[in-house]
């Protein structure tokens, strides 16, 4: 089996999620930066800073050379550019990494292919957060949502999510992959129907998802009032 055959699935998810995140920030405007997002108390600007920081962590983990990228700006044009640069660098670093490499992230060691899957999930779900906050027509492709759903079911536990995600809600029976993904990650309102079943795994999800290195925002309902 060739290296390309071994890495096609996770790398396709990385590339697809990166492209979706780039579409999410396309033609970003300054008047959108103060809008609320599905992440409690985070504006669009706050979320973009978080995404930039997360991509810096992921890129540096994929790429031991730790190539530098310019700092994020504060206006819409600079933020859009900064996210695009980081997406490109992160996808390139993921493609350049060996699929058999074990990498350190936070206090854990992950196989490179698993890190690629988590990278795709991080970019994809935050792409949806940004699209939702901006109110723009940028539907997540069904094939991407289906792949990210399998990643989420494997790496994000149903309970004890450590504040990273809200509790899973129920997606209607026969719901499309994107709705099931959002429900599993606590980003959809509960509705009648079965919740997705977690995929079988050799280790608990809490030992897989790098919770300390990537602090994914939970929905508003998960934050106590200040």
N, C-alpha and C. Protein backbone atom coordinates (compact mmCIF):
# COMPACT_ATOMS: atom_id res chain seq x y z
N UNK A 1 0.85 -1.20 0.00
CA UNK A 1 0.00 0.00 0.00
C UNK A 1 0.88 1.25 0.00
N UNK A 2 0.59 2.20 -0.87
CA UNK A 2 1.40 3.41 -0.96
C UNK A 2 1.03 4.38 0.16
N UNK A 3 1.93 5.35 0.39
CA UNK A 3 1.64 6.37 1.40
C UNK A 3 0.37 7.13 1.06
N UNK A 4 0.17 7.43 -0.22
CA UNK A 4 -1.03 8.17 -0.64
C UNK A 4 -2.27 7.39 -0.30
N UNK A 5 -2.26 6.06 -0.52
CA UNK A 5 -3.42 5.24 -0.20
C UNK A 5 -3.66 5.21 1.30
N UNK A 6 -2.57 5.22 2.10
CA UNK A 6 -2.71 5.14 3.55
C UNK A 6 -3.31 6.42 4.13
N UNK A 7 -3.06 7.57 3.51
CA UNK A 7 -3.42 8.84 4.12
C UNK A 7 -4.56 9.56 3.42
N UNK A 8 -5.15 8.96 2.42
CA UNK A 8 -6.15 9.66 1.63
C UNK A 8 -7.32 10.16 2.48
N UNK A 9 -7.91 9.31 3.32
CA UNK A 9 -9.12 9.70 4.03
C UNK A 9 -8.91 10.86 5.00
N UNK A 10 -7.98 10.78 5.97
CA UNK A 10 -7.83 11.92 6.88
C UNK A 10 -7.36 13.18 6.19
N UNK A 11 -6.50 13.05 5.19
CA UNK A 11 -6.00 14.24 4.50
C UNK A 11 -7.09 14.89 3.65
N UNK A 12 -7.97 14.09 3.08
CA UNK A 12 -9.10 14.67 2.35
C UNK A 12 -9.99 15.47 3.30
N UNK A 13 -10.16 14.99 4.52
CA UNK A 13 -10.94 15.73 5.51
C UNK A 13 -10.25 17.04 5.87
N UNK A 14 -8.93 17.00 6.05
CA UNK A 14 -8.18 18.22 6.36
C UNK A 14 -8.35 19.24 5.23
N UNK A 15 -8.16 18.79 4.00
CA UNK A 15 -8.29 19.70 2.86
C UNK A 15 -9.71 20.24 2.73
N UNK A 16 -10.70 19.38 2.89
CA UNK A 16 -12.09 19.81 2.78
C UNK A 16 -12.49 20.76 3.88
N UNK A 17 -12.07 20.47 5.12
CA UNK A 17 -12.41 21.35 6.24
C UNK A 17 -11.69 22.69 6.11
N UNK A 18 -10.45 22.65 5.62
CA UNK A 18 -9.72 23.90 5.41
C UNK A 18 -10.40 24.78 4.37
N UNK A 19 -10.84 24.16 3.28
CA UNK A 19 -11.54 24.92 2.24
C UNK A 19 -12.85 25.50 2.77
N UNK A 20 -13.54 24.74 3.61
CA UNK A 20 -14.80 25.23 4.18
C UNK A 20 -14.55 26.40 5.12
N UNK A 21 -13.49 26.31 5.93
CA UNK A 21 -13.16 27.42 6.83
C UNK A 21 -12.79 28.66 6.05
N UNK A 22 -12.08 28.50 4.94
CA UNK A 22 -11.75 29.66 4.11
C UNK A 22 -13.01 30.29 3.53
N UNK A 23 -13.96 29.47 3.11
CA UNK A 23 -15.22 30.02 2.61
C UNK A 23 -15.98 30.74 3.72
N UNK A 24 -15.84 30.26 4.96
CA UNK A 24 -16.55 30.86 6.09
C UNK A 24 -16.09 32.29 6.35
N UNK A 25 -14.81 32.57 6.07
CA UNK A 25 -14.29 33.93 6.33
C UNK A 25 -14.25 34.78 5.06
N UNK A 26 -14.74 34.25 3.96
CA UNK A 26 -14.69 34.98 2.69
C UNK A 26 -15.46 36.29 2.78
N UNK A 27 -14.81 37.38 2.37
CA UNK A 27 -15.42 38.72 2.35
C UNK A 27 -15.94 39.13 3.73
N UNK A 28 -15.19 38.79 4.75
CA UNK A 28 -15.52 39.20 6.12
C UNK A 28 -15.54 40.72 6.22
N UNK A 29 -16.53 41.24 6.96
CA UNK A 29 -16.67 42.69 7.10
C UNK A 29 -16.43 43.12 8.54
N UNK A 30 -15.98 44.34 8.72
CA UNK A 30 -15.72 44.86 10.06
C UNK A 30 -16.99 44.88 10.91
N UNK A 31 -18.15 45.16 10.27
CA UNK A 31 -19.37 45.25 11.06
C UNK A 31 -19.87 43.87 11.52
N UNK A 32 -19.23 42.79 11.09
CA UNK A 32 -19.60 41.45 11.54
C UNK A 32 -18.78 40.98 12.74
N UNK A 33 -17.70 41.68 13.05
CA UNK A 33 -16.76 41.19 14.06
C UNK A 33 -17.35 41.17 15.47
N UNK A 34 -18.31 42.04 15.76
CA UNK A 34 -18.89 42.10 17.10
C UNK A 34 -20.11 41.19 17.26
N UNK A 35 -20.47 40.47 16.21
CA UNK A 35 -21.64 39.59 16.31
C UNK A 35 -21.39 38.42 17.26
N UNK A 36 -22.44 37.98 17.97
CA UNK A 36 -22.29 36.80 18.84
C UNK A 36 -22.15 35.54 18.00
N UNK A 37 -21.56 34.52 18.59
CA UNK A 37 -21.36 33.24 17.91
C UNK A 37 -21.97 32.12 18.74
N UNK A 38 -22.01 30.90 18.21
CA UNK A 38 -22.47 29.77 19.03
C UNK A 38 -21.59 29.50 20.24
N UNK A 39 -20.41 30.12 20.30
CA UNK A 39 -19.52 29.99 21.45
C UNK A 39 -19.84 31.10 22.44
N UNK A 40 -20.22 30.72 23.65
CA UNK A 40 -20.71 31.69 24.62
C UNK A 40 -19.72 32.80 24.87
N UNK A 41 -20.24 34.03 24.86
CA UNK A 41 -19.49 35.24 25.18
C UNK A 41 -18.36 35.51 24.19
N UNK A 42 -18.31 34.78 23.11
CA UNK A 42 -17.30 35.03 22.08
C UNK A 42 -17.97 35.69 20.89
N UNK A 43 -17.38 36.81 20.47
CA UNK A 43 -17.81 37.45 19.25
C UNK A 43 -17.12 36.76 18.06
N UNK A 44 -17.48 37.18 16.86
CA UNK A 44 -16.81 36.65 15.67
C UNK A 44 -15.31 36.92 15.76
N UNK A 45 -14.94 38.12 16.20
CA UNK A 45 -13.52 38.46 16.33
C UNK A 45 -12.83 37.54 17.34
N UNK A 46 -13.48 37.31 18.49
CA UNK A 46 -12.91 36.42 19.51
C UNK A 46 -12.71 35.01 18.94
N UNK A 47 -13.71 34.52 18.23
CA UNK A 47 -13.64 33.17 17.69
C UNK A 47 -12.52 33.05 16.65
N UNK A 48 -12.35 34.08 15.84
CA UNK A 48 -11.30 34.04 14.83
C UNK A 48 -9.92 34.02 15.49
N UNK A 49 -9.76 34.74 16.59
CA UNK A 49 -8.49 34.71 17.32
C UNK A 49 -8.25 33.30 17.86
N UNK A 50 -9.29 32.69 18.42
CA UNK A 50 -9.18 31.32 18.92
C UNK A 50 -8.81 30.36 17.79
N UNK A 51 -9.47 30.49 16.64
CA UNK A 51 -9.18 29.62 15.50
C UNK A 51 -7.72 29.81 15.07
N UNK A 52 -7.28 31.07 15.01
CA UNK A 52 -5.89 31.32 14.64
C UNK A 52 -4.92 30.66 15.60
N UNK A 53 -5.19 30.79 16.91
CA UNK A 53 -4.33 30.16 17.91
C UNK A 53 -4.33 28.64 17.77
N UNK A 54 -5.51 28.05 17.55
CA UNK A 54 -5.61 26.60 17.40
C UNK A 54 -4.84 26.11 16.18
N UNK A 55 -4.95 26.84 15.08
CA UNK A 55 -4.23 26.45 13.87
C UNK A 55 -2.72 26.59 14.07
N UNK A 56 -2.30 27.57 14.85
CA UNK A 56 -0.87 27.70 15.15
C UNK A 56 -0.37 26.47 15.91
N UNK A 57 -1.18 26.01 16.89
CA UNK A 57 -0.80 24.82 17.66
C UNK A 57 -0.75 23.59 16.75
N UNK A 58 -1.79 23.43 15.93
CA UNK A 58 -1.87 22.24 15.07
C UNK A 58 -0.77 22.26 14.01
N UNK A 59 -0.54 23.42 13.41
CA UNK A 59 0.50 23.49 12.38
C UNK A 59 1.86 23.17 12.96
N UNK A 60 2.17 23.74 14.13
CA UNK A 60 3.46 23.51 14.76
C UNK A 60 3.62 22.04 15.16
N UNK A 61 2.51 21.38 15.48
CA UNK A 61 2.58 19.97 15.86
C UNK A 61 2.81 19.08 14.65
N UNK A 62 2.13 19.40 13.54
CA UNK A 62 2.38 18.66 12.30
C UNK A 62 3.79 18.92 11.78
N UNK A 63 4.24 20.18 11.89
CA UNK A 63 5.48 20.62 11.25
C UNK A 63 6.51 20.97 12.32
N UNK A 64 7.48 20.07 12.53
CA UNK A 64 8.46 20.29 13.58
C UNK A 64 9.40 21.46 13.27
N UNK A 65 9.41 21.93 12.01
CA UNK A 65 10.25 23.09 11.69
C UNK A 65 9.64 24.38 12.23
N UNK A 66 8.35 24.31 12.59
CA UNK A 66 7.65 25.45 13.18
C UNK A 66 7.82 26.73 12.36
N UNK A 67 7.47 26.64 11.09
CA UNK A 67 7.56 27.80 10.20
C UNK A 67 6.69 28.94 10.74
N UNK A 68 7.18 30.14 10.61
CA UNK A 68 6.48 31.30 11.16
C UNK A 68 5.38 31.77 10.21
N UNK A 69 4.31 32.30 10.79
CA UNK A 69 3.26 32.96 10.02
C UNK A 69 3.07 34.35 10.64
N UNK A 70 2.58 35.31 9.86
CA UNK A 70 2.41 36.65 10.42
C UNK A 70 1.34 36.67 11.50
N UNK A 71 1.43 37.58 12.46
CA UNK A 71 0.42 37.66 13.52
C UNK A 71 -0.93 38.06 12.94
N UNK A 72 -1.98 37.66 13.66
CA UNK A 72 -3.33 38.06 13.25
C UNK A 72 -3.51 39.56 13.47
N UNK A 73 -4.25 40.19 12.57
CA UNK A 73 -4.59 41.59 12.76
C UNK A 73 -5.86 41.71 13.58
N UNK A 74 -6.45 42.90 13.58
CA UNK A 74 -7.67 43.13 14.36
C UNK A 74 -8.85 43.54 13.49
N UNK A 75 -8.58 44.02 12.27
CA UNK A 75 -9.68 44.38 11.38
C UNK A 75 -10.07 43.18 10.53
N UNK A 76 -11.21 43.26 9.87
CA UNK A 76 -11.75 42.12 9.14
C UNK A 76 -10.81 41.63 8.04
N UNK A 77 -10.26 42.55 7.28
CA UNK A 77 -9.38 42.16 6.18
C UNK A 77 -8.15 41.42 6.70
N UNK A 78 -7.56 41.91 7.78
CA UNK A 78 -6.37 41.28 8.35
C UNK A 78 -6.71 39.93 8.96
N UNK A 79 -7.85 39.83 9.63
CA UNK A 79 -8.26 38.56 10.23
C UNK A 79 -8.53 37.51 9.16
N UNK A 80 -9.22 37.91 8.10
CA UNK A 80 -9.48 36.98 7.00
C UNK A 80 -8.17 36.49 6.41
N UNK A 81 -7.27 37.41 6.14
CA UNK A 81 -5.98 37.03 5.56
C UNK A 81 -5.21 36.10 6.50
N UNK A 82 -5.20 36.45 7.79
CA UNK A 82 -4.47 35.64 8.76
C UNK A 82 -5.00 34.22 8.86
N UNK A 83 -6.33 34.07 8.82
CA UNK A 83 -6.92 32.72 8.87
C UNK A 83 -6.58 31.95 7.60
N UNK A 84 -6.66 32.61 6.45
CA UNK A 84 -6.34 31.94 5.18
C UNK A 84 -4.89 31.45 5.17
N UNK A 85 -3.97 32.30 5.62
CA UNK A 85 -2.56 31.92 5.66
C UNK A 85 -2.37 30.71 6.57
N UNK A 86 -3.04 30.70 7.71
CA UNK A 86 -2.89 29.60 8.65
C UNK A 86 -3.54 28.32 8.14
N UNK A 87 -4.66 28.43 7.47
CA UNK A 87 -5.28 27.25 6.89
C UNK A 87 -4.33 26.61 5.87
N UNK A 88 -3.81 27.43 4.98
CA UNK A 88 -2.90 26.91 3.95
C UNK A 88 -1.68 26.25 4.59
N UNK A 89 -1.08 26.91 5.57
CA UNK A 89 0.11 26.37 6.22
C UNK A 89 -0.20 25.07 6.97
N UNK A 90 -1.37 25.01 7.61
CA UNK A 90 -1.74 23.82 8.37
C UNK A 90 -2.01 22.64 7.45
N UNK A 91 -2.73 22.88 6.36
CA UNK A 91 -3.00 21.80 5.40
C UNK A 91 -1.69 21.31 4.79
N UNK A 92 -0.81 22.23 4.42
CA UNK A 92 0.48 21.83 3.85
C UNK A 92 1.31 21.02 4.84
N UNK A 93 1.29 21.42 6.11
CA UNK A 93 2.04 20.69 7.13
C UNK A 93 1.48 19.29 7.34
N UNK A 94 0.15 19.17 7.29
CA UNK A 94 -0.47 17.85 7.44
C UNK A 94 -0.10 16.93 6.29
N UNK A 95 -0.09 17.47 5.07
CA UNK A 95 0.26 16.65 3.91
C UNK A 95 1.74 16.25 3.94
N UNK A 96 2.58 17.10 4.51
CA UNK A 96 4.02 16.82 4.52
C UNK A 96 4.41 15.81 5.59
N UNK A 97 3.56 15.62 6.60
CA UNK A 97 3.90 14.74 7.72
C UNK A 97 3.78 13.27 7.32
N UNK A 98 4.57 12.46 7.96
CA UNK A 98 4.49 11.01 7.72
C UNK A 98 3.27 10.45 8.43
N UNK A 99 2.51 9.56 7.78
CA UNK A 99 1.33 8.98 8.43
C UNK A 99 1.68 8.08 9.60
N UNK A 100 2.93 7.65 9.69
CA UNK A 100 3.33 6.74 10.76
C UNK A 100 3.96 7.48 11.94
N UNK A 101 4.02 8.82 11.85
CA UNK A 101 4.63 9.61 12.91
C UNK A 101 3.72 9.66 14.14
N UNK A 102 4.33 9.59 15.31
CA UNK A 102 3.61 9.86 16.56
C UNK A 102 4.03 11.24 17.02
N UNK A 103 3.05 12.10 17.31
CA UNK A 103 3.34 13.49 17.64
C UNK A 103 2.86 13.81 19.05
N UNK A 104 3.51 14.78 19.66
CA UNK A 104 3.14 15.25 21.00
C UNK A 104 2.23 16.45 20.86
N UNK A 105 1.10 16.43 21.56
CA UNK A 105 0.22 17.59 21.61
C UNK A 105 -0.32 17.68 23.03
N UNK A 106 -0.05 18.79 23.67
CA UNK A 106 -0.36 18.87 25.09
C UNK A 106 0.49 17.85 25.84
N UNK A 107 -0.16 17.07 26.69
CA UNK A 107 0.55 16.05 27.45
C UNK A 107 0.29 14.65 26.87
N UNK A 108 -0.08 14.58 25.59
CA UNK A 108 -0.43 13.30 24.98
C UNK A 108 0.34 13.06 23.71
N UNK A 109 0.46 11.81 23.35
CA UNK A 109 1.03 11.42 22.07
C UNK A 109 -0.08 10.88 21.18
N UNK A 110 -0.14 11.38 19.95
CA UNK A 110 -1.17 10.96 19.01
C UNK A 110 -0.53 10.49 17.72
N UNK A 111 -1.11 9.47 17.08
CA UNK A 111 -0.67 9.14 15.72
C UNK A 111 -0.96 10.31 14.80
N UNK A 112 -0.10 10.54 13.83
CA UNK A 112 -0.28 11.66 12.90
C UNK A 112 -1.65 11.62 12.24
N UNK A 113 -2.10 10.44 11.83
CA UNK A 113 -3.40 10.36 11.15
C UNK A 113 -4.54 10.80 12.07
N UNK A 114 -4.43 10.51 13.36
CA UNK A 114 -5.46 10.95 14.30
C UNK A 114 -5.39 12.46 14.47
N UNK A 115 -4.18 13.01 14.52
CA UNK A 115 -4.04 14.46 14.59
C UNK A 115 -4.64 15.12 13.36
N UNK A 116 -4.45 14.51 12.20
CA UNK A 116 -5.05 15.04 10.98
C UNK A 116 -6.58 15.08 11.12
N UNK A 117 -7.16 14.02 11.67
CA UNK A 117 -8.62 13.98 11.82
C UNK A 117 -9.10 15.06 12.78
N UNK A 118 -8.37 15.25 13.90
CA UNK A 118 -8.75 16.28 14.86
C UNK A 118 -8.59 17.67 14.26
N UNK A 119 -7.54 17.85 13.45
CA UNK A 119 -7.34 19.12 12.74
C UNK A 119 -8.55 19.43 11.86
N UNK A 120 -9.01 18.43 11.13
CA UNK A 120 -10.17 18.63 10.26
C UNK A 120 -11.40 18.99 11.07
N UNK A 121 -11.60 18.32 12.20
CA UNK A 121 -12.77 18.60 13.03
C UNK A 121 -12.72 20.02 13.57
N UNK A 122 -11.56 20.45 14.03
CA UNK A 122 -11.40 21.81 14.56
C UNK A 122 -11.74 22.85 13.49
N UNK A 123 -11.21 22.68 12.29
CA UNK A 123 -11.48 23.66 11.23
C UNK A 123 -12.93 23.59 10.78
N UNK A 124 -13.47 22.39 10.65
CA UNK A 124 -14.83 22.25 10.14
C UNK A 124 -15.88 22.81 11.07
N UNK A 125 -15.80 22.48 12.37
CA UNK A 125 -16.86 22.93 13.28
C UNK A 125 -16.77 24.43 13.51
N UNK A 126 -15.55 24.98 13.54
CA UNK A 126 -15.45 26.43 13.71
C UNK A 126 -15.81 27.15 12.42
N UNK A 127 -15.61 26.51 11.28
CA UNK A 127 -16.13 27.08 10.05
C UNK A 127 -17.64 27.24 10.12
N UNK A 128 -18.30 26.20 10.64
CA UNK A 128 -19.76 26.29 10.80
C UNK A 128 -20.14 27.37 11.80
N UNK A 129 -19.40 27.48 12.91
CA UNK A 129 -19.68 28.53 13.90
C UNK A 129 -19.64 29.92 13.26
N UNK A 130 -18.62 30.15 12.44
CA UNK A 130 -18.46 31.46 11.80
C UNK A 130 -19.57 31.72 10.79
N UNK A 131 -19.87 30.70 9.99
CA UNK A 131 -20.96 30.82 9.02
C UNK A 131 -22.27 31.14 9.72
N UNK A 132 -22.53 30.42 10.81
CA UNK A 132 -23.77 30.63 11.57
C UNK A 132 -23.84 32.04 12.13
N UNK A 133 -22.73 32.51 12.69
CA UNK A 133 -22.71 33.85 13.28
C UNK A 133 -22.90 34.93 12.22
N UNK A 134 -22.32 34.73 11.06
CA UNK A 134 -22.42 35.74 10.00
C UNK A 134 -23.75 35.67 9.26
N UNK A 135 -24.45 34.54 9.36
CA UNK A 135 -25.71 34.40 8.68
C UNK A 135 -25.58 34.34 7.17
N UNK A 136 -24.52 33.67 6.70
CA UNK A 136 -24.27 33.59 5.27
C UNK A 136 -24.56 32.18 4.75
N UNK A 137 -24.78 32.08 3.45
CA UNK A 137 -25.12 30.80 2.83
C UNK A 137 -23.84 30.06 2.47
N UNK A 138 -23.35 29.27 3.40
CA UNK A 138 -22.14 28.47 3.18
C UNK A 138 -22.39 27.10 3.79
N UNK A 139 -23.20 26.30 3.15
CA UNK A 139 -23.55 24.99 3.70
C UNK A 139 -22.33 24.08 3.73
N UNK A 140 -22.17 23.34 4.82
CA UNK A 140 -21.09 22.37 4.89
C UNK A 140 -21.41 21.20 3.96
N UNK A 141 -20.50 20.82 3.07
CA UNK A 141 -20.76 19.70 2.17
C UNK A 141 -21.09 18.43 2.95
N UNK A 142 -22.04 17.66 2.43
CA UNK A 142 -22.48 16.45 3.13
C UNK A 142 -21.33 15.47 3.32
N UNK A 143 -20.45 15.35 2.33
CA UNK A 143 -19.35 14.40 2.44
C UNK A 143 -18.40 14.81 3.56
N UNK A 144 -18.15 16.12 3.70
CA UNK A 144 -17.30 16.60 4.78
C UNK A 144 -17.97 16.37 6.12
N UNK A 145 -19.25 16.71 6.23
CA UNK A 145 -19.98 16.52 7.48
C UNK A 145 -19.99 15.06 7.89
N UNK A 146 -20.16 14.16 6.94
CA UNK A 146 -20.19 12.73 7.23
C UNK A 146 -18.85 12.27 7.80
N UNK A 147 -17.76 12.72 7.17
CA UNK A 147 -16.43 12.34 7.67
C UNK A 147 -16.15 12.92 9.04
N UNK A 148 -16.52 14.18 9.26
CA UNK A 148 -16.30 14.82 10.55
C UNK A 148 -17.16 14.19 11.63
N UNK A 149 -18.34 13.72 11.27
CA UNK A 149 -19.19 13.04 12.25
C UNK A 149 -18.50 11.79 12.78
N UNK A 150 -17.89 11.02 11.89
CA UNK A 150 -17.18 9.82 12.33
C UNK A 150 -15.99 10.17 13.23
N UNK A 151 -15.30 11.27 12.91
CA UNK A 151 -14.21 11.72 13.77
C UNK A 151 -14.76 12.11 15.14
N UNK A 152 -15.85 12.87 15.15
CA UNK A 152 -16.42 13.35 16.41
C UNK A 152 -16.90 12.19 17.28
N UNK A 153 -17.55 11.21 16.67
CA UNK A 153 -18.05 10.07 17.43
C UNK A 153 -16.90 9.26 18.03
N UNK A 154 -15.76 9.31 17.39
CA UNK A 154 -14.61 8.53 17.85
C UNK A 154 -13.77 9.28 18.87
N UNK A 155 -13.73 10.60 18.79
CA UNK A 155 -12.81 11.37 19.63
C UNK A 155 -13.47 12.22 20.71
N UNK A 156 -14.77 12.48 20.60
CA UNK A 156 -15.46 13.31 21.59
C UNK A 156 -16.42 12.43 22.37
N UNK A 157 -16.21 12.26 23.67
CA UNK A 157 -17.05 11.36 24.45
C UNK A 157 -18.47 11.89 24.62
N UNK A 158 -19.39 11.01 24.97
CA UNK A 158 -20.77 11.42 25.18
C UNK A 158 -20.92 12.19 26.48
N UNK A 159 -20.04 11.92 27.44
CA UNK A 159 -20.11 12.63 28.73
C UNK A 159 -18.69 13.04 29.12
N UNK A 160 -18.57 13.75 30.21
CA UNK A 160 -17.28 14.19 30.71
C UNK A 160 -16.48 14.88 29.61
N UNK A 161 -17.07 15.93 29.02
CA UNK A 161 -16.43 16.62 27.90
C UNK A 161 -15.49 17.74 28.35
N UNK A 162 -15.33 17.90 29.64
CA UNK A 162 -14.35 18.84 30.15
C UNK A 162 -14.57 20.28 29.76
N UNK A 163 -15.80 20.67 29.47
CA UNK A 163 -16.09 22.05 29.11
C UNK A 163 -15.79 22.39 27.66
N UNK A 164 -15.33 21.41 26.89
CA UNK A 164 -15.00 21.70 25.49
C UNK A 164 -16.24 21.78 24.61
N UNK A 165 -17.20 20.90 24.86
CA UNK A 165 -18.42 20.84 24.05
C UNK A 165 -19.61 20.75 24.99
N UNK A 166 -20.77 21.21 24.51
CA UNK A 166 -21.98 21.01 25.26
C UNK A 166 -22.42 19.55 25.18
N UNK A 167 -23.39 19.15 25.99
CA UNK A 167 -23.87 17.77 25.93
C UNK A 167 -24.51 17.48 24.58
N UNK A 168 -24.41 16.24 24.11
CA UNK A 168 -25.02 15.91 22.82
C UNK A 168 -26.54 16.02 22.89
N UNK A 169 -27.13 16.51 21.82
CA UNK A 169 -28.58 16.55 21.72
C UNK A 169 -29.03 15.51 20.70
N UNK A 170 -30.33 15.38 20.55
CA UNK A 170 -30.88 14.34 19.68
C UNK A 170 -31.21 14.92 18.31
N UNK A 171 -30.69 14.31 17.29
CA UNK A 171 -31.04 14.69 15.92
C UNK A 171 -32.22 13.84 15.46
N UNK A 172 -33.11 14.39 14.67
CA UNK A 172 -34.25 13.60 14.18
C UNK A 172 -33.77 12.38 13.40
N UNK A 173 -34.56 11.34 13.44
CA UNK A 173 -34.23 10.13 12.69
C UNK A 173 -34.11 10.48 11.21
N UNK A 174 -33.07 10.01 10.58
CA UNK A 174 -32.84 10.29 9.18
C UNK A 174 -32.27 11.66 8.90
N UNK A 175 -31.83 12.37 9.95
CA UNK A 175 -31.27 13.70 9.77
C UNK A 175 -29.99 13.63 8.93
N UNK A 176 -29.69 14.68 8.16
CA UNK A 176 -28.46 14.69 7.35
C UNK A 176 -27.23 14.71 8.25
N UNK A 177 -26.07 14.35 7.68
CA UNK A 177 -24.85 14.27 8.49
C UNK A 177 -24.51 15.56 9.24
N UNK A 178 -24.70 16.73 8.62
CA UNK A 178 -24.33 17.96 9.29
C UNK A 178 -25.18 18.19 10.53
N UNK A 179 -26.46 17.85 10.47
CA UNK A 179 -27.33 18.03 11.63
C UNK A 179 -26.93 17.07 12.75
N UNK A 180 -26.56 15.85 12.38
CA UNK A 180 -26.12 14.87 13.38
C UNK A 180 -24.79 15.29 14.00
N UNK A 181 -23.91 15.86 13.18
CA UNK A 181 -22.63 16.35 13.70
C UNK A 181 -22.85 17.47 14.71
N UNK A 182 -23.67 18.44 14.35
CA UNK A 182 -23.94 19.56 15.25
C UNK A 182 -24.60 19.09 16.53
N UNK A 183 -25.51 18.13 16.43
CA UNK A 183 -26.17 17.60 17.61
C UNK A 183 -25.17 16.91 18.53
N UNK A 184 -24.28 16.10 17.95
CA UNK A 184 -23.31 15.38 18.76
C UNK A 184 -22.36 16.33 19.48
N UNK A 185 -22.03 17.44 18.84
CA UNK A 185 -21.11 18.40 19.44
C UNK A 185 -21.82 19.48 20.26
N UNK A 186 -23.11 19.28 20.51
CA UNK A 186 -23.83 20.19 21.38
C UNK A 186 -24.16 21.52 20.76
N UNK A 187 -24.20 21.58 19.44
CA UNK A 187 -24.46 22.85 18.77
C UNK A 187 -25.85 22.91 18.15
N UNK A 188 -26.67 21.92 18.38
CA UNK A 188 -28.02 21.94 17.83
C UNK A 188 -29.01 21.80 18.97
N UNK A 189 -30.17 22.42 18.82
CA UNK A 189 -31.20 22.29 19.85
C UNK A 189 -31.72 20.85 19.87
N UNK A 190 -32.02 20.33 21.08
CA UNK A 190 -32.56 18.97 21.15
C UNK A 190 -33.85 18.86 20.36
N UNK A 191 -34.03 17.74 19.70
CA UNK A 191 -35.26 17.46 18.96
C UNK A 191 -35.51 15.97 19.02
N UNK A 192 -36.76 15.52 18.84
CA UNK A 192 -37.06 14.10 18.97
C UNK A 192 -36.25 13.26 18.01
N UNK A 193 -35.89 12.09 18.46
CA UNK A 193 -35.15 11.16 17.60
C UNK A 193 -33.94 10.61 18.32
N UNK A 194 -33.35 9.57 17.77
CA UNK A 194 -32.23 8.92 18.43
C UNK A 194 -30.95 9.73 18.31
N UNK A 195 -30.17 9.76 19.37
CA UNK A 195 -28.85 10.39 19.30
C UNK A 195 -27.91 9.44 18.57
N UNK A 196 -26.88 9.97 17.90
CA UNK A 196 -25.93 9.09 17.23
C UNK A 196 -25.22 8.20 18.23
N UNK A 197 -24.87 7.00 17.82
CA UNK A 197 -24.14 6.09 18.67
C UNK A 197 -22.65 6.35 18.53
N UNK A 198 -21.91 6.42 19.65
CA UNK A 198 -20.45 6.60 19.53
C UNK A 198 -19.84 5.42 18.79
N UNK A 199 -18.83 5.73 17.97
CA UNK A 199 -18.14 4.66 17.26
C UNK A 199 -17.33 3.85 18.26
N UNK A 200 -17.16 2.56 17.96
CA UNK A 200 -16.33 1.73 18.82
C UNK A 200 -14.88 2.18 18.72
N UNK A 201 -14.20 2.21 19.84
CA UNK A 201 -12.82 2.65 19.86
C UNK A 201 -12.04 1.84 20.88
N UNK A 202 -10.74 1.81 20.70
CA UNK A 202 -9.88 1.05 21.59
C UNK A 202 -9.59 1.81 22.88
N UNK A 203 -9.65 3.14 22.85
CA UNK A 203 -9.38 3.95 24.03
C UNK A 203 -10.51 4.95 24.21
N UNK A 204 -10.78 5.37 25.46
CA UNK A 204 -11.82 6.37 25.68
C UNK A 204 -11.52 7.64 24.91
N UNK A 205 -12.57 8.32 24.47
CA UNK A 205 -12.38 9.53 23.68
C UNK A 205 -11.62 10.59 24.46
N UNK A 206 -11.80 10.62 25.79
CA UNK A 206 -11.11 11.62 26.58
C UNK A 206 -9.60 11.43 26.53
N UNK A 207 -9.12 10.27 26.13
CA UNK A 207 -7.68 10.03 26.00
C UNK A 207 -7.20 10.33 24.60
N UNK A 208 -8.11 10.68 23.70
CA UNK A 208 -7.76 10.90 22.30
C UNK A 208 -7.78 12.38 21.95
N UNK A 209 -8.87 13.07 22.26
CA UNK A 209 -8.98 14.48 21.88
C UNK A 209 -8.08 15.32 22.77
N UNK A 210 -7.20 16.14 22.19
CA UNK A 210 -6.21 16.89 22.97
C UNK A 210 -6.83 18.07 23.69
N UNK A 211 -7.48 17.80 24.82
CA UNK A 211 -8.32 18.80 25.47
C UNK A 211 -7.55 20.00 26.00
N UNK A 212 -6.34 19.80 26.49
CA UNK A 212 -5.61 20.93 27.06
C UNK A 212 -5.00 21.82 25.99
N UNK A 213 -4.62 21.22 24.86
CA UNK A 213 -3.97 22.01 23.82
C UNK A 213 -4.97 22.78 22.97
N UNK A 214 -6.16 22.23 22.79
CA UNK A 214 -7.18 22.87 21.96
C UNK A 214 -8.44 23.04 22.80
N UNK A 215 -8.72 24.25 23.20
CA UNK A 215 -9.87 24.51 24.04
C UNK A 215 -11.04 24.93 23.16
N UNK A 216 -11.84 23.97 22.75
CA UNK A 216 -12.98 24.24 21.87
C UNK A 216 -14.11 24.84 22.69
N UNK A 217 -14.75 25.84 22.14
CA UNK A 217 -15.76 26.57 22.90
C UNK A 217 -17.04 25.77 23.04
N UNK A 218 -17.63 25.70 24.24
CA UNK A 218 -18.95 25.11 24.41
C UNK A 218 -20.03 26.11 24.09
N UNK A 219 -21.27 25.65 23.89
CA UNK A 219 -22.37 26.58 23.61
C UNK A 219 -22.72 27.42 24.83
N UNK A 220 -23.51 28.45 24.58
CA UNK A 220 -23.80 29.43 25.63
C UNK A 220 -24.41 28.80 26.86
N UNK A 221 -25.25 27.79 26.69
CA UNK A 221 -25.95 27.19 27.82
C UNK A 221 -24.99 26.58 28.82
N UNK A 222 -23.74 26.31 28.39
CA UNK A 222 -22.79 25.64 29.28
C UNK A 222 -22.03 26.59 30.19
N UNK A 223 -22.22 27.91 30.01
CA UNK A 223 -21.49 28.87 30.80
C UNK A 223 -22.38 29.44 31.89
N UNK A 224 -21.95 29.44 33.15
CA UNK A 224 -22.73 30.11 34.19
C UNK A 224 -22.72 31.62 34.00
N UNK A 225 -23.73 32.25 34.50
CA UNK A 225 -23.80 33.71 34.40
C UNK A 225 -22.76 34.33 35.32
N UNK A 226 -22.13 35.38 34.84
CA UNK A 226 -21.14 36.08 35.66
C UNK A 226 -21.84 37.08 36.58
